[in-house]
Amino acid sequence: MIMNISELFGFLFGYIAHNPFVFLFIAIAIGYPLGKVSIKGVALGSTAGTLVIGLAIALTAFSVYGLKIEEPGLVSDIFLMMFMYAIGMKVGPQFFSGLARDGLDFVVIGLIVVFSNFFIVFLGAKLLGLAPGYAAGIISGSYTVTAVMGVAQSAISSGAFKAPAGMTLDQVSANIAVGYVISYVLSSFFIILLIKYLPAMFGIDPIKAGKEAEAEFGVGDDIEALPSTHGFSNIGVLPLDIRAYRVEHQELVGQSVESLFQHFPHAAILKVVRGKQVFDAADNPKLALGDVIGIRGDYHVLIDDGAFVGVEVDEPRARNVDIEVADIHLGKSCYTGKTIAKISDEVGFGVYIKALFRQGHQLPVTGQAVVEVGDVIRIAGSDWCVQQVAKKLNSTPIVESTLTETFYLALSLLIGYVCGHFSVTFGGIPFALGTSAGCMLTGIIFSFLRARNPNFGGVMSEGARSFLQDIGLSVFVAVLASTLGPKILASFQGVVAIKIAALGATAALVPPLLAWIYGLYFCKMNPAILAGACAGGRNSTSAMKGAQNVCQSDMPAIGYPVPYAITSMIVLVLGYLSMVL
């Protein structure tokens, strides 16, 4: 017997209700592409898309078919903690190193944005008479930081928040979701317009500001990614090349590759081709007349001194050398306390020293720079050359890879979970870090330590970190939607949606405007960089990209990281406080 449309949908919703795993991934599978749909450059976002689809399915299942979709709470807890850990791993190095590198002004801008957002929402919710839960949702949505909903839920589940008489905890959770959805949609759109047109609103030519910033920061092209952060292994453009020469001078015959490096430390022989045989530098072969050798060195050295070997030839086998970038954490050795030039001459066989870091801060790489125990040297060279240099410096090279150290992930989640349970009471109000915030804090600490010593857990694949962040938040939001769907209509009673929209838009736009005024008139910051800082304080990458477009420059990105890193952590604390206060 053929089912009609109503029966078919009834069967499908019944199947989803009895198989919560199916619900989770239907919400994510539809929500992700929905969130990427862009209207005039504004998209809902994958997380908000997942939440909207999850709420729609759960609400329809309950209101039409009387079915409740129940997801295990443990699923939500696990994935939220993984998400928070991944966020901590991302912002940790920026958070600490940026404080000194980018100055106090960027820090103050971030603080202005995050605290003014909190006070506007918290006091506004009181004045408008909004029920508990709405304030945390509006903070989360107006800041476009979905994780705030997670810490707000932690305040509920931990008992730090007590529902008032006549109101259930489920209803409070539904209020959080409603506040988030309405304010998120509005703030995502309007923050891009605000940041994009702030210069014009104050009579500033954004293109001129962008060019002035480029001229001011032109020396910053050599800024390298911090150790153990995404992109640290990018080779980039190096002032070295590999060229092939035929050995035609008798004085070179019989000399080994290693002995020649001692005489010519700025021109290392990496390959020796003899007929059909190809020798690596690791074999330390002795040269013979007619050999073709692949030499890696500075361009000017190869051009000026190449004739000393012989004529340059086209021999691909002599130039077939894979180059990798590695970070080396200096242990105690006879080379600490020496200059970069001395180390390069003595142990820098075939490698190029790209960067030098001390306590998470990049130092200029000059020949007279002295290295110390604990410094991190970034070098580029063939695998064998890199391994040799690391061995002589009493260390192990760290390269970017697809591997992830699961031990440190488990240890961090364990520590964060345990620490998150501790509670302190002030004024009769219990305060706890919360398991999710605890995991984020351990992620920040672990990434901070690894940026100073890459041997601490090795590098975490950015693909793995990004996956933890995406899937962790998406599953958490989908579980939240399944719980709140049946109750969400009650949160739209009266004019509450209008109040949320007005308060959310105000909280999204006024704080970056205040930060702009501070940066422009008190700090005299370049408007292009200031626009990026305001976007970072508001955690909006899209707004930063809008600023780049209107400035026709990439310079707004300079102001983005420090306010972003600082506010990413503080807004979670304030979201938690908005519940317990």
Protein backbone atom coordinates (compact mmCIF):
# COMPACT_ATOMS: atom_id res chain seq x y z
CA MET A 1 0.00 0.00 0.00
CA ILE A 2 1.41 3.38 -1.04
CA MET A 3 1.76 5.94 1.78
CA ASN A 4 0.46 9.46 1.29
CA ILE A 5 2.64 12.51 1.99
CA SER A 6 1.47 12.88 5.58
CA GLU A 7 2.16 9.25 6.39
CA LEU A 8 5.55 9.43 4.70
CA PHE A 9 6.63 12.43 6.79
CA GLY A 10 5.20 10.81 9.89
CA PHE A 11 7.33 7.74 9.22
CA LEU A 12 10.45 9.85 8.61
CA PHE A 13 10.04 11.94 11.76
CA GLY A 14 9.29 8.79 13.75
CA TYR A 15 12.48 7.19 12.46
CA ILE A 16 14.50 10.30 13.33
CA ALA A 17 12.99 10.48 16.82
CA HIS A 18 13.95 6.87 17.56
CA ASN A 19 17.43 7.25 16.03
CA PRO A 20 19.08 10.34 17.54
CA PHE A 21 22.30 9.64 15.62
CA VAL A 22 20.37 10.23 12.37
CA PHE A 23 19.00 13.52 13.68
CA LEU A 24 22.47 14.82 14.55
CA PHE A 25 23.93 14.33 11.13
CA ILE A 26 20.84 15.37 9.20
CA ALA A 27 21.00 18.70 11.04
CA ILE A 28 24.72 19.07 10.29
CA ALA A 29 24.49 17.82 6.68
CA ILE A 30 21.73 20.32 5.82
CA GLY A 31 22.85 23.10 8.15
CA TYR A 32 26.41 23.30 6.85
CA PRO A 33 25.56 24.07 3.20
CA LEU A 34 22.66 26.29 4.32
CA GLY A 35 25.08 28.34 6.40
CA LYS A 36 27.30 28.90 3.38
CA VAL A 37 24.52 30.41 1.28
CA SER A 38 25.48 34.07 0.89
CA ILE A 39 23.13 36.96 0.22
CA LYS A 40 24.98 40.12 -0.76
CA GLY A 41 28.12 38.82 0.95
CA VAL A 42 26.41 37.86 4.20
CA ALA A 43 26.03 34.20 5.19
CA LEU A 44 24.32 32.60 8.16
CA GLY A 45 27.34 30.49 9.05
CA SER A 46 27.61 26.72 9.38
CA THR A 47 26.97 26.63 13.13
CA ALA A 48 23.90 28.86 13.01
CA GLY A 49 22.68 26.90 9.98
CA THR A 50 22.94 23.66 11.96
CA LEU A 51 21.07 25.20 14.88
CA VAL A 52 18.25 26.51 12.66
CA ILE A 53 17.78 23.16 10.90
CA GLY A 54 17.97 21.24 14.18
CA LEU A 55 15.38 23.49 15.79
CA ALA A 56 13.11 23.21 12.77
CA ILE A 57 13.22 19.39 12.79
CA ALA A 58 12.77 19.08 16.55
CA LEU A 59 9.96 21.66 16.63
CA THR A 60 8.11 20.01 13.73
CA ALA A 61 8.49 16.55 15.23
CA PHE A 62 6.96 17.71 18.52
CA SER A 63 4.28 20.15 17.37
CA VAL A 64 2.99 18.10 14.43
CA TYR A 65 3.63 14.49 15.42
CA GLY A 66 4.02 14.71 19.19
CA LEU A 67 7.53 13.21 19.04
CA LYS A 68 10.48 14.24 21.22
CA ILE A 69 14.05 13.78 19.95
CA GLU A 70 16.22 12.90 22.94
CA GLU A 71 19.99 13.04 22.64
CA PRO A 72 22.34 11.75 25.40
CA GLY A 73 23.73 14.66 27.38
CA LEU A 74 27.14 13.01 27.43
CA VAL A 75 27.42 13.54 23.67
CA SER A 76 26.95 17.28 24.10
CA ASP A 77 29.49 17.46 26.94
CA ILE A 78 32.22 15.56 25.10
CA PHE A 79 31.98 17.49 21.85
CA LEU A 80 31.72 20.86 23.59
CA MET A 81 34.90 20.14 25.55
CA MET A 82 36.73 19.13 22.37
CA PHE A 83 35.57 22.34 20.71
CA MET A 84 36.75 24.49 23.60
CA TYR A 85 40.13 22.75 23.66
CA ALA A 86 40.52 23.41 19.92
CA ILE A 87 39.68 27.10 20.42
CA GLY A 88 42.28 27.31 23.20
CA MET A 89 44.89 25.76 20.93
CA LYS A 90 44.13 28.38 18.29
CA VAL A 91 44.20 31.56 20.36
CA GLY A 92 46.80 30.62 22.98
CA PRO A 93 49.98 31.73 21.18
CA GLN A 94 48.32 34.91 19.90
CA PHE A 95 46.90 35.72 23.31
CA PHE A 96 50.21 35.85 25.16
CA SER A 97 52.73 36.86 22.52
CA GLY A 98 50.45 39.50 21.09
CA LEU A 99 50.29 41.40 24.37
CA ALA A 100 53.90 42.51 24.03
CA ARG A 101 54.27 42.38 20.26
CA ASP A 102 51.28 44.50 19.27
CA GLY A 103 51.08 46.85 22.22
CA LEU A 104 48.64 47.88 24.86
CA ASP A 105 46.34 49.75 22.47
CA PHE A 106 45.07 46.58 20.82
CA VAL A 107 44.46 45.06 24.24
CA VAL A 108 42.41 48.06 25.36
CA ILE A 109 40.37 47.98 22.15
CA GLY A 110 39.46 44.35 22.79
CA LEU A 111 38.52 45.11 26.39
CA ILE A 112 36.35 48.06 25.37
CA VAL A 113 34.40 45.93 22.92
CA VAL A 114 33.88 42.88 25.11
CA PHE A 115 32.98 44.65 28.35
CA SER A 116 30.71 47.25 26.76
CA ASN A 117 28.89 44.42 24.98
CA PHE A 118 28.37 42.67 28.32
CA PHE A 119 27.08 45.75 30.15
CA ILE A 120 24.76 46.76 27.31
CA VAL A 121 23.19 43.30 27.20
CA PHE A 122 23.11 42.69 30.94
CA LEU A 123 21.63 46.06 31.87
CA GLY A 124 19.42 46.16 28.78
CA ALA A 125 17.90 42.78 29.62
CA LYS A 126 17.09 44.08 33.12
CA LEU A 127 15.50 47.29 31.81
CA LEU A 128 13.46 45.46 29.15
CA GLY A 129 12.32 42.83 31.63
CA LEU A 130 13.67 39.89 29.63
CA ALA A 131 13.43 36.50 31.32
CA PRO A 132 16.55 34.55 32.43
CA GLY A 133 18.56 33.05 29.60
CA TYR A 134 17.93 35.75 27.01
CA ALA A 135 20.95 37.83 28.08
CA ALA A 136 23.43 34.97 27.58
CA GLY A 137 21.87 34.16 24.21
CA ILE A 138 22.05 37.79 23.10
CA ILE A 139 25.70 38.04 24.17
CA SER A 140 26.43 34.87 22.20
CA GLY A 141 24.55 36.05 19.11
CA SER A 142 25.58 39.71 19.14
CA TYR A 143 29.19 38.61 19.51
CA THR A 144 28.71 35.78 16.98
CA VAL A 145 30.47 33.44 19.40
CA THR A 146 28.33 30.32 19.65
CA ALA A 147 30.50 28.89 22.42
CA VAL A 148 28.97 31.39 24.85
CA MET A 149 25.82 29.28 24.68
CA GLY A 150 27.95 26.36 25.80
CA VAL A 151 29.27 28.05 28.93
CA ALA A 152 25.78 29.37 29.69
CA GLN A 153 24.51 25.80 29.51
CA SER A 154 27.39 24.78 31.80
CA ALA A 155 26.17 27.28 34.39
CA ILE A 156 22.76 25.61 34.23
CA SER A 157 23.97 22.01 34.32
CA SER A 158 26.49 22.68 37.12
CA GLY A 159 23.86 24.21 39.38
CA ALA A 160 25.52 27.65 39.45
CA PHE A 161 22.29 29.04 37.98
CA LYS A 162 19.03 28.50 39.81
CA ALA A 163 15.79 28.92 37.86
CA PRO A 164 13.26 31.31 39.44
CA ALA A 165 9.96 30.01 40.74
CA GLY A 166 7.53 29.00 38.02
CA MET A 167 10.25 28.55 35.38
CA THR A 168 12.01 25.37 34.30
CA LEU A 169 15.65 25.00 33.35
CA ASP A 170 14.57 23.77 29.91
CA GLN A 171 12.71 27.03 29.32
CA VAL A 172 15.80 29.01 30.31
CA SER A 173 17.81 26.99 27.79
CA ALA A 174 15.20 27.74 25.14
CA ASN A 175 15.50 31.45 25.92
CA ILE A 176 19.26 31.22 25.37
CA ALA A 177 18.70 29.73 21.92
CA VAL A 178 16.11 32.31 20.91
CA GLY A 179 18.29 35.20 22.05
CA TYR A 180 21.17 33.74 20.09
CA VAL A 181 19.35 33.11 16.81
CA ILE A 182 17.70 36.52 16.53
CA SER A 183 20.72 38.59 17.56
CA TYR A 184 23.16 36.44 15.58
CA VAL A 185 21.40 37.00 12.26
CA LEU A 186 21.22 40.76 12.76
CA SER A 187 24.75 41.22 14.13
CA SER A 188 26.34 39.06 11.41
CA PHE A 189 24.95 41.40 8.77
CA PHE A 190 25.28 44.82 10.42
CA ILE A 191 28.79 44.38 11.84
CA ILE A 192 30.17 43.93 8.32
CA LEU A 193 28.51 47.14 7.16
CA LEU A 194 29.67 49.07 10.22
CA ILE A 195 33.35 48.05 10.06
CA LYS A 196 33.39 48.47 6.30
CA TYR A 197 32.08 52.03 6.33
CA LEU A 198 33.51 53.36 9.60
CA PRO A 199 36.33 55.29 7.84
CA ALA A 200 33.88 56.99 5.46
CA MET A 201 31.53 57.85 8.37
CA PHE A 202 34.38 59.81 9.94
CA GLY A 203 35.51 61.48 6.72
CA ILE A 204 38.53 59.23 6.16
CA ASP A 205 39.71 57.91 2.80
CA PRO A 206 40.09 54.14 3.46
CA ILE A 207 42.28 53.52 0.40
CA LYS A 208 44.70 56.25 1.46
CA ALA A 209 44.75 54.82 5.00
CA GLY A 210 45.54 51.39 3.61
CA LYS A 211 48.48 52.70 1.57
CA GLU A 212 49.83 54.64 4.55
CA ALA A 213 49.65 51.49 6.68
CA GLU A 214 51.50 49.51 4.02
CA ALA A 215 54.24 52.11 3.97
CA GLU A 216 54.46 52.12 7.77
CA PHE A 217 54.52 48.35 8.15
CA GLY A 218 56.51 47.57 5.03
CA VAL A 219 59.24 46.00 7.15
CA GLY A 220 56.82 43.43 8.46
CA ASP A 221 56.91 41.12 5.46
CA ASP A 222 59.31 38.76 7.26
CA ILE A 223 56.95 38.08 10.17
CA GLU A 224 56.83 34.32 10.68
CA ALA A 225 54.15 32.16 12.27
CA LEU A 226 54.94 31.30 15.89
CA PRO A 227 56.38 27.83 16.58
CA SER A 228 53.78 25.03 16.52
CA THR A 229 51.13 27.28 15.00
CA HIS A 230 49.45 26.87 11.63
CA GLY A 231 51.69 27.80 8.71
CA PHE A 232 55.03 27.65 10.53
CA SER A 233 56.37 25.24 7.90
CA ASN A 234 55.62 27.44 4.90
CA ILE A 235 58.81 27.71 2.87
CA GLY A 236 58.02 31.07 1.32
CA VAL A 237 60.62 32.81 -0.82
CA LEU A 238 64.19 32.05 0.23
CA PRO A 239 67.34 33.86 -0.96
CA LEU A 240 68.84 30.46 -1.83
CA ASP A 241 68.90 28.32 -4.92
CA ILE A 242 70.19 24.94 -6.06
CA ARG A 243 72.30 24.92 -9.21
CA ALA A 244 74.24 22.19 -10.97
CA TYR A 245 77.92 22.48 -11.98
CA ARG A 246 80.34 20.08 -13.64
CA VAL A 247 83.59 19.58 -11.71
CA GLU A 248 86.36 20.79 -14.05
CA HIS A 249 89.08 21.94 -11.66
CA GLN A 250 91.65 19.48 -10.44
CA GLU A 251 92.00 21.05 -6.97
CA LEU A 252 88.48 19.84 -6.12
CA VAL A 253 89.16 16.22 -7.00
CA GLY A 254 89.43 13.89 -4.01
CA GLN A 255 87.87 16.33 -1.54
CA SER A 256 84.81 15.21 0.39
CA VAL A 257 81.53 17.07 0.50
CA GLU A 258 81.95 17.73 4.22
CA SER A 259 85.49 19.10 3.93
CA LEU A 260 84.43 21.44 1.13
CA PHE A 261 81.65 22.81 3.36
CA GLN A 262 84.26 23.70 5.98
CA HIS A 263 86.04 25.82 3.37
CA PHE A 264 82.87 27.17 1.72
CA PRO A 265 80.14 27.28 4.42
CA HIS A 266 77.80 29.36 2.27
CA ALA A 267 77.72 26.88 -0.62
CA ALA A 268 76.80 23.32 0.42
CA ILE A 269 76.96 20.36 -1.96
CA LEU A 270 73.74 18.35 -1.59
CA LYS A 271 73.96 15.99 -4.60
CA VAL A 272 76.76 14.37 -6.60
CA VAL A 273 75.89 12.80 -9.97
CA ARG A 274 78.46 10.42 -11.47
CA GLY A 275 77.18 8.76 -14.61
CA LYS A 276 74.14 6.75 -13.56
CA GLN A 277 74.97 7.04 -9.88
CA VAL A 278 73.53 9.73 -7.60
CA PHE A 279 75.09 10.32 -4.17
CA ASP A 280 73.45 12.30 -1.36
CA ALA A 281 75.41 14.61 0.89
CA ALA A 282 74.71 12.15 3.69
CA ASP A 283 77.10 9.72 1.98
CA ASN A 284 79.89 12.34 2.12
CA PRO A 285 81.30 11.29 -1.28
CA LYS A 286 84.65 12.50 -2.62
CA LEU A 287 84.52 14.43 -5.88
CA ALA A 288 85.91 13.20 -9.15
CA LEU A 289 86.63 15.05 -12.37
CA GLY A 290 83.46 15.24 -14.50
CA ASP A 291 81.05 14.85 -11.58
CA VAL A 292 77.95 17.06 -11.63
CA ILE A 293 77.28 18.55 -8.23
CA GLY A 294 74.15 20.27 -6.91
CA ILE A 295 75.12 23.27 -4.78
CA ARG A 296 72.71 25.14 -2.52
CA GLY A 297 73.64 28.65 -1.51
CA ASP A 298 72.87 32.34 -1.70
CA TYR A 299 72.16 33.57 -5.21
CA HIS A 300 75.10 35.97 -5.23
CA VAL A 301 77.48 33.21 -4.05
CA LEU A 302 76.39 30.85 -6.81
CA ILE A 303 76.59 33.56 -9.44
CA ASP A 304 79.95 34.95 -8.34
CA ASP A 305 81.77 31.77 -7.35
CA GLY A 306 80.13 29.07 -9.47
CA ALA A 307 82.86 29.33 -12.06
CA PHE A 308 85.35 28.15 -9.44
CA VAL A 309 83.80 24.67 -9.79
CA GLY A 310 83.20 24.61 -13.52
CA VAL A 311 80.55 25.28 -16.09
CA GLU A 312 76.87 25.28 -15.04
CA VAL A 313 74.89 22.44 -16.61
CA ASP A 314 71.27 21.33 -16.84
CA GLU A 315 71.21 18.20 -14.69
CA PRO A 316 67.83 17.76 -12.90
CA ARG A 317 69.16 14.88 -10.77
CA ALA A 318 71.67 17.20 -9.12
CA ARG A 319 68.94 19.71 -8.26
CA ASN A 320 66.30 17.20 -7.17
CA VAL A 321 66.30 18.04 -3.45
CA ASP A 322 63.16 18.29 -1.31
CA ILE A 323 63.25 21.25 1.06
CA GLU A 324 61.39 21.26 4.37
CA VAL A 325 61.01 23.77 7.18
CA ALA A 326 61.54 22.74 10.79
CA ASP A 327 61.65 24.36 14.21
CA ILE A 328 64.53 23.41 16.50
CA HIS A 329 64.34 24.10 20.22
CA LEU A 330 67.86 24.70 21.50
CA GLY A 331 68.94 22.52 24.35
CA LYS A 332 72.20 22.86 26.24
CA SER A 333 75.09 22.49 23.80
CA CYS A 334 78.41 24.05 22.93
CA TYR A 335 76.65 26.24 20.37
CA THR A 336 74.44 28.19 22.78
CA GLY A 337 75.89 31.61 23.44
CA LYS A 338 77.29 31.81 19.90
CA THR A 339 76.15 34.09 17.11
CA ILE A 340 73.89 33.06 14.24
CA ALA A 341 76.78 33.60 11.82
CA LYS A 342 79.05 31.27 13.83
CA ILE A 343 76.41 28.55 14.07
CA SER A 344 75.65 28.85 10.37
CA ASP A 345 79.33 28.45 9.47
CA GLU A 346 79.93 25.53 11.82
CA VAL A 347 76.77 23.41 11.64
CA GLY A 348 74.48 25.06 9.08
CA PHE A 349 75.26 22.60 6.29
CA GLY A 350 72.81 23.27 3.44
CA VAL A 351 70.21 25.01 5.58
CA TYR A 352 68.90 28.54 5.76
CA ILE A 353 67.99 30.11 9.11
CA LYS A 354 64.58 31.68 8.54
CA ALA A 355 63.65 32.93 11.99
CA LEU A 356 64.67 33.09 15.63
CA PHE A 357 62.19 33.03 18.53
CA ARG A 358 62.75 33.70 22.23
CA GLN A 359 59.94 33.19 24.75
CA GLY A 360 57.40 33.21 21.94
CA HIS A 361 58.65 36.47 20.36
CA GLN A 362 60.35 36.71 17.00
CA LEU A 363 63.81 38.29 17.01
CA PRO A 364 65.65 39.75 14.01
CA VAL A 365 67.90 37.19 12.31
CA THR A 366 71.24 38.91 12.00
CA GLY A 367 74.69 37.46 11.86
CA GLN A 368 75.53 38.92 15.27
CA ALA A 369 72.37 37.72 17.04
CA VAL A 370 73.36 35.45 19.95
CA VAL A 371 71.26 32.34 20.65
CA GLU A 372 70.43 31.13 24.13
CA VAL A 373 69.18 27.91 25.70
CA GLY A 374 65.44 27.70 25.08
CA ASP A 375 65.47 29.68 21.83
CA VAL A 376 63.69 28.26 18.79
CA ILE A 377 65.49 28.40 15.45
CA ARG A 378 63.50 27.88 12.25
CA ILE A 379 65.54 26.43 9.41
CA ALA A 380 64.86 25.36 5.83
CA GLY A 381 66.81 22.59 4.14
CA SER A 382 66.80 18.98 3.01
CA ASP A 383 65.69 16.37 5.55
CA TRP A 384 69.22 15.06 6.14
CA CYS A 385 70.65 18.55 6.56
CA VAL A 386 67.91 19.51 9.00
CA GLN A 387 68.46 16.33 11.01
CA GLN A 388 72.20 16.96 11.18
CA VAL A 389 71.79 20.53 12.40
CA ALA A 390 69.26 19.46 15.04
CA LYS A 391 71.57 16.69 16.28
CA LYS A 392 74.49 19.07 16.68
CA LEU A 393 72.25 21.54 18.53
CA ASN A 394 71.17 18.77 20.91
CA SER A 395 67.55 18.85 19.80
CA THR A 396 64.88 17.28 17.59
CA PRO A 397 63.43 19.00 14.50
CA ILE A 398 59.68 19.64 14.58
CA VAL A 399 57.95 19.71 11.21
CA GLU A 400 54.34 20.35 10.32
CA SER A 401 52.55 17.11 9.55
CA THR A 402 49.16 15.40 9.59
CA LEU A 403 49.96 13.63 12.86
CA THR A 404 48.29 14.64 16.12
CA GLU A 405 49.53 13.83 19.60
CA THR A 406 46.44 12.22 21.17
CA PHE A 407 48.13 11.90 24.56
CA TYR A 408 48.23 15.68 25.04
CA LEU A 409 44.63 16.00 23.87
CA ALA A 410 43.48 13.46 26.46
CA LEU A 411 45.65 14.98 29.19
CA SER A 412 44.38 18.48 28.47
CA LEU A 413 40.73 17.41 28.49
CA LEU A 414 41.28 15.50 31.74
CA ILE A 415 42.91 18.46 33.50
CA GLY A 416 40.36 20.92 32.14
CA TYR A 417 37.41 18.75 33.17
CA VAL A 418 38.69 18.24 36.72
CA CYS A 419 39.65 21.90 37.23
CA GLY A 420 36.32 23.03 35.82
CA HIS A 421 34.48 21.35 38.69
CA PHE A 422 36.07 23.47 41.43
CA SER A 423 33.69 26.12 42.75
CA VAL A 424 34.24 29.27 44.79
CA THR A 425 31.40 31.22 46.44
CA PHE A 426 31.33 35.05 46.45
CA GLY A 427 28.45 36.89 48.01
CA GLY A 428 26.44 33.72 48.19
CA ILE A 429 26.86 33.09 44.44
CA PRO A 430 28.83 29.99 43.43
CA PHE A 431 31.42 30.56 40.70
CA ALA A 432 33.01 27.67 38.85
CA LEU A 433 35.24 27.69 35.80
CA GLY A 434 33.07 25.06 34.17
CA THR A 435 34.33 21.97 32.38
CA SER A 436 34.15 23.53 28.93
CA ALA A 437 35.99 26.71 29.94
CA GLY A 438 38.49 24.54 31.84
CA CYS A 439 39.28 22.66 28.64
CA MET A 440 39.73 25.91 26.76
CA LEU A 441 42.11 27.18 29.43
CA THR A 442 44.24 24.03 29.27
CA GLY A 443 44.27 24.34 25.48
CA ILE A 444 45.57 27.91 25.81
CA ILE A 445 48.25 26.85 28.29
CA PHE A 446 49.37 23.84 26.23
CA SER A 447 49.57 25.88 23.01
CA PHE A 448 51.41 28.65 24.88
CA LEU A 449 54.02 26.16 26.14
CA ARG A 450 54.41 24.57 22.71
CA ALA A 451 54.97 27.94 21.06
CA ARG A 452 57.98 28.29 23.36
CA ASN A 453 59.12 24.69 23.16
CA PRO A 454 57.82 22.77 20.11
CA ASN A 455 59.09 19.53 21.67
CA PHE A 456 56.23 19.82 24.17
CA GLY A 457 53.77 17.53 22.44
CA GLY A 458 55.03 18.25 18.96
CA VAL A 459 52.90 20.11 16.45
CA MET A 460 49.16 19.65 16.21
CA SER A 461 47.87 19.36 12.67
CA GLU A 462 45.79 22.43 11.83
CA GLY A 463 43.44 20.14 9.92
CA ALA A 464 42.88 18.06 13.06
CA ARG A 465 42.46 21.16 15.24
CA SER A 466 40.02 22.71 12.78
CA PHE A 467 38.04 19.46 12.60
CA LEU A 468 37.76 19.29 16.39
CA GLN A 469 36.54 22.88 16.41
CA ASP A 470 33.95 22.39 13.66
CA ILE A 471 32.54 19.00 14.59
CA GLY A 472 32.64 19.73 18.31
CA LEU A 473 30.55 22.88 18.05
CA SER A 474 28.22 21.48 15.38
CA VAL A 475 27.33 18.37 17.38
CA PHE A 476 26.86 20.42 20.54
CA VAL A 477 24.51 22.81 18.73
CA ALA A 478 22.57 19.93 17.15
CA VAL A 479 22.06 18.29 20.56
CA LEU A 480 20.98 21.64 21.96
CA ALA A 481 18.46 22.03 19.14
CA SER A 482 16.93 18.62 19.83
CA THR A 483 16.32 19.59 23.45
CA LEU A 484 15.04 23.11 22.83
CA GLY A 485 12.91 22.57 19.74
CA PRO A 486 9.68 21.63 21.58
CA LYS A 487 9.99 24.59 23.98
CA ILE A 488 11.22 27.38 21.77
CA LEU A 489 7.82 28.77 20.74
CA ALA A 490 7.10 29.79 24.31
CA SER A 491 10.08 32.14 24.17
CA PHE A 492 8.50 34.22 21.40
CA GLN A 493 5.56 35.42 23.46
CA GLY A 494 4.51 39.08 23.15
CA VAL A 495 7.04 41.57 21.81
CA VAL A 496 10.06 39.63 23.10
CA ALA A 497 11.46 39.13 19.60
CA ILE A 498 11.47 42.90 18.98
CA LYS A 499 13.22 43.52 22.29
CA ILE A 500 15.86 40.88 21.50
CA ALA A 501 16.44 42.33 18.02
CA ALA A 502 16.85 45.88 19.33
CA LEU A 503 19.13 44.89 22.20
CA GLY A 504 21.17 42.48 20.06
CA ALA A 505 21.77 45.06 17.33
CA THR A 506 22.78 47.68 19.90
CA ALA A 507 25.19 45.27 21.62
CA ALA A 508 26.70 44.30 18.27
CA LEU A 509 27.31 47.82 16.92
CA VAL A 510 27.91 50.23 19.80
CA PRO A 511 30.99 48.46 21.33
CA PRO A 512 33.12 48.50 18.13
CA LEU A 513 32.05 52.11 17.56
CA LEU A 514 33.35 53.03 21.03
CA ALA A 515 36.59 51.18 20.33
CA TRP A 516 36.94 53.02 17.02
CA ILE A 517 36.58 56.41 18.73
CA TYR A 518 39.18 55.42 21.31
CA GLY A 519 41.66 54.18 18.73
CA LEU A 520 41.16 57.08 16.32
CA TYR A 521 41.15 60.05 18.69
CA PHE A 522 43.10 58.84 21.73
CA CYS A 523 45.64 56.47 20.17
CA LYS A 524 45.88 58.13 16.73
CA MET A 525 45.96 54.69 15.12
CA ASN A 526 45.99 54.16 11.38
CA PRO A 527 42.29 53.77 10.37
CA ALA A 528 42.92 50.68 8.25
CA ILE A 529 44.62 48.83 11.09
CA LEU A 530 42.10 50.19 13.59
CA ALA A 531 39.23 48.79 11.52
CA GLY A 532 40.87 45.36 11.70
CA ALA A 533 41.30 45.73 15.46
CA CYS A 534 37.62 46.60 15.91
CA ALA A 535 36.66 43.58 13.81
CA GLY A 536 38.95 41.40 15.92
CA GLY A 537 37.42 42.74 19.11
CA ARG A 538 34.04 41.71 17.71
CA ASN A 539 35.32 38.27 16.62
CA SER A 540 34.20 38.89 13.04
CA THR A 541 36.53 37.68 10.32
CA SER A 542 33.94 38.70 7.72
CA ALA A 543 34.03 42.28 8.99
CA MET A 544 37.83 42.27 8.79
CA LYS A 545 37.63 41.06 5.19
CA GLY A 546 35.13 43.84 4.48
CA ALA A 547 37.62 46.35 5.85
CA GLN A 548 40.31 44.89 3.60
CA ASN A 549 38.04 45.27 0.59
CA VAL A 550 37.19 48.91 1.25
CA CYS A 551 40.82 49.76 2.05
CA GLN A 552 42.07 47.76 -0.94
CA SER A 553 44.78 46.46 1.38
CA ASP A 554 45.53 43.47 3.61
CA MET A 555 46.69 45.74 6.44
CA PRO A 556 43.49 45.48 8.57
CA ALA A 557 44.66 41.94 9.35
CA ILE A 558 47.50 43.39 11.46
CA GLY A 559 45.09 44.75 14.04
CA TYR A 560 42.87 41.66 14.13
CA PRO A 561 44.68 38.88 16.10
CA VAL A 562 45.28 40.40 19.55
CA PRO A 563 41.76 41.77 20.19
CA TYR A 564 40.35 38.55 18.74
CA ALA A 565 42.43 36.33 21.01
CA ILE A 566 41.71 38.35 24.13
CA THR A 567 37.97 38.69 23.61
CA SER A 568 37.55 35.04 22.57
CA MET A 569 38.37 34.05 26.12
CA ILE A 570 36.83 36.93 28.07
CA VAL A 571 33.45 36.77 26.32
CA LEU A 572 33.03 33.19 27.54
CA VAL A 573 33.62 34.27 31.12
CA LEU A 574 31.15 37.12 30.75
CA GLY A 575 28.59 34.81 29.17
CA TYR A 576 28.88 32.57 32.22
CA LEU A 577 28.54 35.54 34.57
CA SER A 578 25.43 36.73 32.75
CA MET A 579 23.77 33.52 33.95
CA VAL A 580 24.99 33.27 37.53
CA LEU A 581 24.51 36.97 38.38
